Amino acid sequence: MKTILALIIATVAMFAVPTASYAQAAERCRDDKGKFMKCPAPAAATSNRCKDAKGKFAKCGTPGAKPI
């Protein structure tokens, strides 16, 4: 009976520990002095796809093509 109880407690404890992904998500940005600050926005990914005026995909170098 004690071994079953120990297994149950160990299983519950294993799922109660946060994983590294949760810890990274909760991490806040700090400046050089260690104070909290607003995190910088992630860099915008440049798109290598463009659409023409009609909404169809077009080569990005063609006149009237706009990146999406």
PDB file of N, CA and C in Angstrom:
ATOM      1  N   MET A   1       0.812  -1.184   0.000  1.00  0.00           N
ATOM      2  CA  MET A   1       0.000   0.000   0.000  1.00  0.00           C
ATOM      3  C   MET A   1       0.864   1.259   0.000  1.00  0.00           C
ATOM      4  N   LYS A   2       1.962   1.198   0.764  1.00  0.00           N
ATOM      5  CA  LYS A   2       2.842   2.357   0.828  1.00  0.00           C
ATOM      6  C   LYS A   2       3.521   2.613  -0.513  1.00  0.00           C
ATOM      7  N   THR A   3       3.829   1.548  -1.242  1.00  0.00           N
ATOM      8  CA  THR A   3       4.491   1.734  -2.537  1.00  0.00           C
ATOM      9  C   THR A   3       3.544   2.366  -3.546  1.00  0.00           C
ATOM     10  N   ILE A   4       2.274   1.995  -3.510  1.00  0.00           N
ATOM     11  CA  ILE A   4       1.298   2.588  -4.424  1.00  0.00           C
ATOM     12  C   ILE A   4       1.119   4.066  -4.105  1.00  0.00           C
ATOM     13  N   LEU A   5       1.055   4.391  -2.832  1.00  0.00           N
ATOM     14  CA  LEU A   5       0.930   5.786  -2.417  1.00  0.00           C
ATOM     15  C   LEU A   5       2.163   6.583  -2.840  1.00  0.00           C
ATOM     16  N   ALA A   6       3.337   5.998  -2.712  1.00  0.00           N
ATOM     17  CA  ALA A   6       4.572   6.669  -3.123  1.00  0.00           C
ATOM     18  C   ALA A   6       4.596   6.890  -4.630  1.00  0.00           C
ATOM     19  N   LEU A   7       4.118   5.925  -5.397  1.00  0.00           N
ATOM     20  CA  LEU A   7       4.059   6.090  -6.851  1.00  0.00           C
ATOM     21  C   LEU A   7       3.087   7.193  -7.256  1.00  0.00           C
ATOM     22  N   ILE A   8       1.959   7.263  -6.574  1.00  0.00           N
ATOM     23  CA  ILE A   8       0.984   8.315  -6.869  1.00  0.00           C
ATOM     24  C   ILE A   8       1.560   9.689  -6.546  1.00  0.00           C
ATOM     25  N   ILE A   9       2.206   9.824  -5.423  1.00  0.00           N
ATOM     26  CA  ILE A   9       2.810  11.098  -5.034  1.00  0.00           C
ATOM     27  C   ILE A   9       3.908  11.490  -6.014  1.00  0.00           C
ATOM     28  N   ALA A  10       4.729  10.536  -6.440  1.00  0.00           N
ATOM     29  CA  ALA A  10       5.798  10.828  -7.394  1.00  0.00           C
ATOM     30  C   ALA A  10       5.233  11.264  -8.743  1.00  0.00           C
ATOM     31  N   THR A  11       4.144  10.631  -9.173  1.00  0.00           N
ATOM     32  CA  THR A  11       3.524  10.994 -10.443  1.00  0.00           C
ATOM     33  C   THR A  11       2.941  12.399 -10.389  1.00  0.00           C
ATOM     34  N   VAL A  12       2.270  12.731  -9.304  1.00  0.00           N
ATOM     35  CA  VAL A  12       1.701  14.070  -9.146  1.00  0.00           C
ATOM     36  C   VAL A  12       2.807  15.112  -9.094  1.00  0.00           C
ATOM     37  N   ALA A  13       3.885  14.827  -8.399  1.00  0.00           N
ATOM     38  CA  ALA A  13       5.005  15.767  -8.302  1.00  0.00           C
ATOM     39  C   ALA A  13       5.677  15.973  -9.656  1.00  0.00           C
ATOM     40  N   MET A  14       5.722  14.922 -10.475  1.00  0.00           N
ATOM     41  CA  MET A  14       6.353  15.035 -11.778  1.00  0.00           C
ATOM     42  C   MET A  14       5.573  15.989 -12.678  1.00  0.00           C
ATOM     43  N   PHE A  15       4.249  15.953 -12.616  1.00  0.00           N
ATOM     44  CA  PHE A  15       3.441  16.829 -13.458  1.00  0.00           C
ATOM     45  C   PHE A  15       3.298  18.230 -12.872  1.00  0.00           C
ATOM     46  N   ALA A  16       3.609  18.422 -11.624  1.00  0.00           N
ATOM     47  CA  ALA A  16       3.483  19.724 -10.988  1.00  0.00           C
ATOM     48  C   ALA A  16       4.671  20.630 -11.282  1.00  0.00           C
ATOM     49  N   VAL A  17       5.796  20.076 -11.696  1.00  0.00           N
ATOM     50  CA  VAL A  17       6.994  20.861 -11.970  1.00  0.00           C
ATOM     51  C   VAL A  17       6.848  21.519 -13.340  1.00  0.00           C
ATOM     52  N   PRO A  18       6.995  22.855 -13.423  1.00  0.00           N
ATOM     53  CA  PRO A  18       6.879  23.523 -14.720  1.00  0.00           C
ATOM     54  C   PRO A  18       8.048  23.166 -15.630  1.00  0.00           C
ATOM     55  N   THR A  19       7.768  23.109 -16.903  1.00  0.00           N
ATOM     56  CA  THR A  19       8.816  22.798 -17.864  1.00  0.00           C
ATOM     57  C   THR A  19       9.574  24.058 -18.232  1.00  0.00           C
ATOM     58  N   ALA A  20      10.638  23.919 -18.984  1.00  0.00           N
ATOM     59  CA  ALA A  20      11.468  25.057 -19.369  1.00  0.00           C
ATOM     60  C   ALA A  20      10.720  26.027 -20.276  1.00  0.00           C
ATOM     61  N   SER A  21       9.809  25.523 -21.110  1.00  0.00           N
ATOM     62  CA  SER A  21       9.083  26.418 -22.008  1.00  0.00           C
ATOM     63  C   SER A  21       8.186  27.368 -21.228  1.00  0.00           C
ATOM     64  N   TYR A  22       7.599  26.888 -20.116  1.00  0.00           N
ATOM     65  CA  TYR A  22       6.782  27.772 -19.302  1.00  0.00           C
ATOM     66  C   TYR A  22       7.646  28.816 -18.616  1.00  0.00           C
ATOM     67  N   ALA A  23       8.817  28.427 -18.189  1.00  0.00           N
ATOM     68  CA  ALA A  23       9.702  29.364 -17.515  1.00  0.00           C
ATOM     69  C   ALA A  23      10.188  30.444 -18.473  1.00  0.00           C
ATOM     70  N   GLN A  24      10.451  30.088 -19.715  1.00  0.00           N
ATOM     71  CA  GLN A  24      10.904  31.080 -20.689  1.00  0.00           C
ATOM     72  C   GLN A  24       9.777  32.032 -21.064  1.00  0.00           C
ATOM     73  N   ALA A  25       8.540  31.538 -21.114  1.00  0.00           N
ATOM     74  CA  ALA A  25       7.412  32.394 -21.471  1.00  0.00           C
ATOM     75  C   ALA A  25       7.154  33.418 -20.378  1.00  0.00           C
ATOM     76  N   ALA A  26       7.400  33.048 -19.139  1.00  0.00           N
ATOM     77  CA  ALA A  26       7.155  33.959 -18.037  1.00  0.00           C
ATOM     78  C   ALA A  26       8.312  34.929 -17.824  1.00  0.00           C
ATOM     79  N   GLU A  27       9.435  34.707 -18.469  1.00  0.00           N
ATOM     80  CA  GLU A  27      10.604  35.554 -18.292  1.00  0.00           C
ATOM     81  C   GLU A  27      10.330  36.937 -18.863  1.00  0.00           C
ATOM     82  N   ARG A  28      10.678  37.948 -18.118  1.00  0.00           N
ATOM     83  CA  ARG A  28      10.463  39.320 -18.560  1.00  0.00           C
ATOM     84  C   ARG A  28      11.777  39.917 -18.996  1.00  0.00           C
ATOM     85  N   CYS A  29      11.704  40.967 -19.774  1.00  0.00           N
ATOM     86  CA  CYS A  29      12.910  41.624 -20.271  1.00  0.00           C
ATOM     87  C   CYS A  29      13.456  42.572 -19.211  1.00  0.00           C
ATOM     88  N   ARG A  30      14.767  42.596 -19.127  1.00  0.00           N
ATOM     89  CA  ARG A  30      15.440  43.491 -18.188  1.00  0.00           C
ATOM     90  C   ARG A  30      16.490  44.308 -18.931  1.00  0.00           C
ATOM     91  N   ASP A  31      16.740  45.513 -18.439  1.00  0.00           N
ATOM     92  CA  ASP A  31      17.776  46.348 -19.042  1.00  0.00           C
ATOM     93  C   ASP A  31      19.127  46.009 -18.418  1.00  0.00           C
ATOM     94  N   ASP A  32      20.144  46.796 -18.740  1.00  0.00           N
ATOM     95  CA  ASP A  32      21.493  46.517 -18.254  1.00  0.00           C
ATOM     96  C   ASP A  32      21.613  46.636 -16.730  1.00  0.00           C
ATOM     97  N   LYS A  33      20.762  47.458 -16.138  1.00  0.00           N
ATOM     98  CA  LYS A  33      20.818  47.655 -14.691  1.00  0.00           C
ATOM     99  C   LYS A  33      20.011  46.605 -13.934  1.00  0.00           C
ATOM    100  N   GLY A  34      19.290  45.732 -14.667  1.00  0.00           N
ATOM    101  CA  GLY A  34      18.523  44.683 -14.036  1.00  0.00           C
ATOM    102  C   GLY A  34      17.080  45.052 -13.768  1.00  0.00           C
ATOM    103  N   LYS A  35      16.652  46.229 -14.226  1.00  0.00           N
ATOM    104  CA  LYS A  35      15.267  46.643 -14.006  1.00  0.00           C
ATOM    105  C   LYS A  35      14.398  46.127 -15.140  1.00  0.00           C
ATOM    106  N   PHE A  36      13.131  45.877 -14.814  1.00  0.00           N
ATOM    107  CA  PHE A  36      12.200  45.399 -15.822  1.00  0.00           C
ATOM    108  C   PHE A  36      11.900  46.499 -16.830  1.00  0.00           C
ATOM    109  N   MET A  37      11.742  46.101 -18.080  1.00  0.00           N
ATOM    110  CA  MET A  37      11.418  47.046 -19.148  1.00  0.00           C
ATOM    111  C   MET A  37      10.502  46.361 -20.142  1.00  0.00           C
ATOM    112  N   LYS A  38       9.964  47.139 -21.064  1.00  0.00           N
ATOM    113  CA  LYS A  38       9.116  46.567 -22.095  1.00  0.00           C
ATOM    114  C   LYS A  38      10.000  45.798 -23.073  1.00  0.00           C
ATOM    115  N   CYS A  39       9.603  44.579 -23.391  1.00  0.00           N
ATOM    116  CA  CYS A  39      10.394  43.750 -24.298  1.00  0.00           C
ATOM    117  C   CYS A  39      10.350  44.317 -25.705  1.00  0.00           C
ATOM    118  N   PRO A  40      11.469  44.289 -26.426  1.00  0.00           N
ATOM    119  CA  PRO A  40      11.465  44.784 -27.804  1.00  0.00           C
ATOM    120  C   PRO A  40      10.634  43.864 -28.687  1.00  0.00           C
ATOM    121  N   ALA A  41       9.998  44.458 -29.675  1.00  0.00           N
ATOM    122  CA  ALA A  41       9.175  43.687 -30.599  1.00  0.00           C
ATOM    123  C   ALA A  41      10.071  42.790 -31.448  1.00  0.00           C
ATOM    124  N   PRO A  42       9.607  41.591 -31.765  1.00  0.00           N
ATOM    125  CA  PRO A  42      10.416  40.717 -32.614  1.00  0.00           C
ATOM    126  C   PRO A  42      10.570  41.329 -34.006  1.00  0.00           C
ATOM    127  N   ALA A  43      11.685  41.063 -34.611  1.00  0.00           N
ATOM    128  CA  ALA A  43      11.955  41.610 -35.941  1.00  0.00           C
ATOM    129  C   ALA A  43      10.946  41.064 -36.944  1.00  0.00           C
ATOM    130  N   ALA A  44      10.441  41.946 -37.774  1.00  0.00           N
ATOM    131  CA  ALA A  44       9.473  41.533 -38.777  1.00  0.00           C
ATOM    132  C   ALA A  44      10.167  40.720 -39.863  1.00  0.00           C
ATOM    133  N   ALA A  45       9.566  39.624 -40.204  1.00  0.00           N
ATOM    134  CA  ALA A  45      10.138  38.767 -41.235  1.00  0.00           C
ATOM    135  C   ALA A  45       9.857  39.380 -42.600  1.00  0.00           C
ATOM    136  N   THR A  46      10.867  39.443 -43.412  1.00  0.00           N
ATOM    137  CA  THR A  46      10.667  39.985 -44.752  1.00  0.00           C
ATOM    138  C   THR A  46       9.993  38.933 -45.603  1.00  0.00           C
ATOM    139  N   SER A  47       9.008  39.371 -46.331  1.00  0.00           N
ATOM    140  CA  SER A  47       8.255  38.453 -47.158  1.00  0.00           C
ATOM    141  C   SER A  47       8.879  38.377 -48.545  1.00  0.00           C
ATOM    142  N   ASN A  48       8.999  37.199 -49.087  1.00  0.00           N
ATOM    143  CA  ASN A  48       9.524  37.044 -50.426  1.00  0.00           C
ATOM    144  C   ASN A  48       8.396  36.723 -51.399  1.00  0.00           C
ATOM    145  N   ARG A  49       7.150  36.989 -50.976  1.00  0.00           N
ATOM    146  CA  ARG A  49       5.996  36.747 -51.831  1.00  0.00           C
ATOM    147  C   ARG A  49       5.282  38.072 -52.066  1.00  0.00           C
ATOM    148  N   CYS A  50       4.801  38.279 -53.279  1.00  0.00           N
ATOM    149  CA  CYS A  50       4.108  39.506 -53.623  1.00  0.00           C
ATOM    150  C   CYS A  50       2.827  39.180 -54.373  1.00  0.00           C
ATOM    151  N   LYS A  51       1.887  40.138 -54.322  1.00  0.00           N
ATOM    152  CA  LYS A  51       0.646  40.004 -55.073  1.00  0.00           C
ATOM    153  C   LYS A  51       0.476  41.232 -55.956  1.00  0.00           C
ATOM    154  N   ASP A  52      -0.158  41.031 -57.099  1.00  0.00           N
ATOM    155  CA  ASP A  52      -0.420  42.156 -57.997  1.00  0.00           C
ATOM    156  C   ASP A  52      -1.740  42.819 -57.612  1.00  0.00           C
ATOM    157  N   ALA A  53      -2.183  43.797 -58.411  1.00  0.00           N
ATOM    158  CA  ALA A  53      -3.405  44.549 -58.119  1.00  0.00           C
ATOM    159  C   ALA A  53      -4.641  43.666 -58.142  1.00  0.00           C
ATOM    160  N   LYS A  54      -4.628  42.583 -58.888  1.00  0.00           N
ATOM    161  CA  LYS A  54      -5.784  41.688 -58.971  1.00  0.00           C
ATOM    162  C   LYS A  54      -5.817  40.687 -57.819  1.00  0.00           C
ATOM    163  N   GLY A  55      -4.772  40.640 -57.016  1.00  0.00           N
ATOM    164  CA  GLY A  55      -4.723  39.722 -55.891  1.00  0.00           C
ATOM    165  C   GLY A  55      -4.052  38.412 -56.196  1.00  0.00           C
ATOM    166  N   LYS A  56      -3.487  38.275 -57.390  1.00  0.00           N
ATOM    167  CA  LYS A  56      -2.793  37.041 -57.744  1.00  0.00           C
ATOM    168  C   LYS A  56      -1.321  37.171 -57.380  1.00  0.00           C
ATOM    169  N   PHE A  57      -0.695  36.034 -57.126  1.00  0.00           N
ATOM    170  CA  PHE A  57       0.731  36.053 -56.808  1.00  0.00           C
ATOM    171  C   PHE A  57       1.527  36.484 -58.027  1.00  0.00           C
ATOM    172  N   ALA A  58       2.540  37.318 -57.782  1.00  0.00           N
ATOM    173  CA  ALA A  58       3.375  37.829 -58.844  1.00  0.00           C
ATOM    174  C   ALA A  58       4.810  37.890 -58.349  1.00  0.00           C
ATOM    175  N   LYS A  59       5.725  38.010 -59.296  1.00  0.00           N
ATOM    176  CA  LYS A  59       7.138  38.162 -58.953  1.00  0.00           C
ATOM    177  C   LYS A  59       7.320  39.522 -58.298  1.00  0.00           C
ATOM    178  N   CYS A  60       8.086  39.607 -57.260  1.00  0.00           N
ATOM    179  CA  CYS A  60       8.203  40.849 -56.487  1.00  0.00           C
ATOM    180  C   CYS A  60       8.833  41.998 -57.268  1.00  0.00           C
ATOM    181  N   GLY A  61       9.536  41.749 -58.319  1.00  0.00           N
ATOM    182  CA  GLY A  61      10.153  42.833 -59.074  1.00  0.00           C
ATOM    183  C   GLY A  61       9.230  43.464 -60.118  1.00  0.00           C
ATOM    184  N   THR A  62       8.066  42.896 -60.365  1.00  0.00           N
ATOM    185  CA  THR A  62       7.181  43.409 -61.405  1.00  0.00           C
ATOM    186  C   THR A  62       6.483  44.687 -60.927  1.00  0.00           C
ATOM    187  N   PRO A  63       6.135  45.592 -61.864  1.00  0.00           N
ATOM    188  CA  PRO A  63       5.470  46.833 -61.486  1.00  0.00           C
ATOM    189  C   PRO A  63       4.083  46.536 -60.896  1.00  0.00           C
ATOM    190  N   GLY A  64       3.750  47.223 -59.808  1.00  0.00           N
ATOM    191  CA  GLY A  64       2.441  47.076 -59.166  1.00  0.00           C
ATOM    192  C   GLY A  64       2.375  45.937 -58.150  1.00  0.00           C
ATOM    193  N   ALA A  65       3.391  45.152 -58.031  1.00  0.00           N
ATOM    194  CA  ALA A  65       3.393  44.046 -57.071  1.00  0.00           C
ATOM    195  C   ALA A  65       3.729  44.563 -55.693  1.00  0.00           C
ATOM    196  N   LYS A  66       2.952  44.107 -54.713  1.00  0.00           N
ATOM    197  CA  LYS A  66       3.167  44.549 -53.333  1.00  0.00           C
ATOM    198  C   LYS A  66       3.440  43.334 -52.459  1.00  0.00           C
ATOM    199  N   PRO A  67       4.383  43.434 -51.537  1.00  0.00           N
ATOM    200  CA  PRO A  67       4.662  42.296 -50.646  1.00  0.00           C
ATOM    201  C   PRO A  67       3.487  42.023 -49.709  1.00  0.00           C
ATOM    202  N   ILE A  68       3.290  40.765 -49.403  1.00  0.00           N
ATOM    203  CA  ILE A  68       2.205  40.392 -48.486  1.00  0.00           C
ATOM    204  C   ILE A  68       2.766  40.006 -47.145  1.00  0.00           C
TER     205      ILE A  68
END
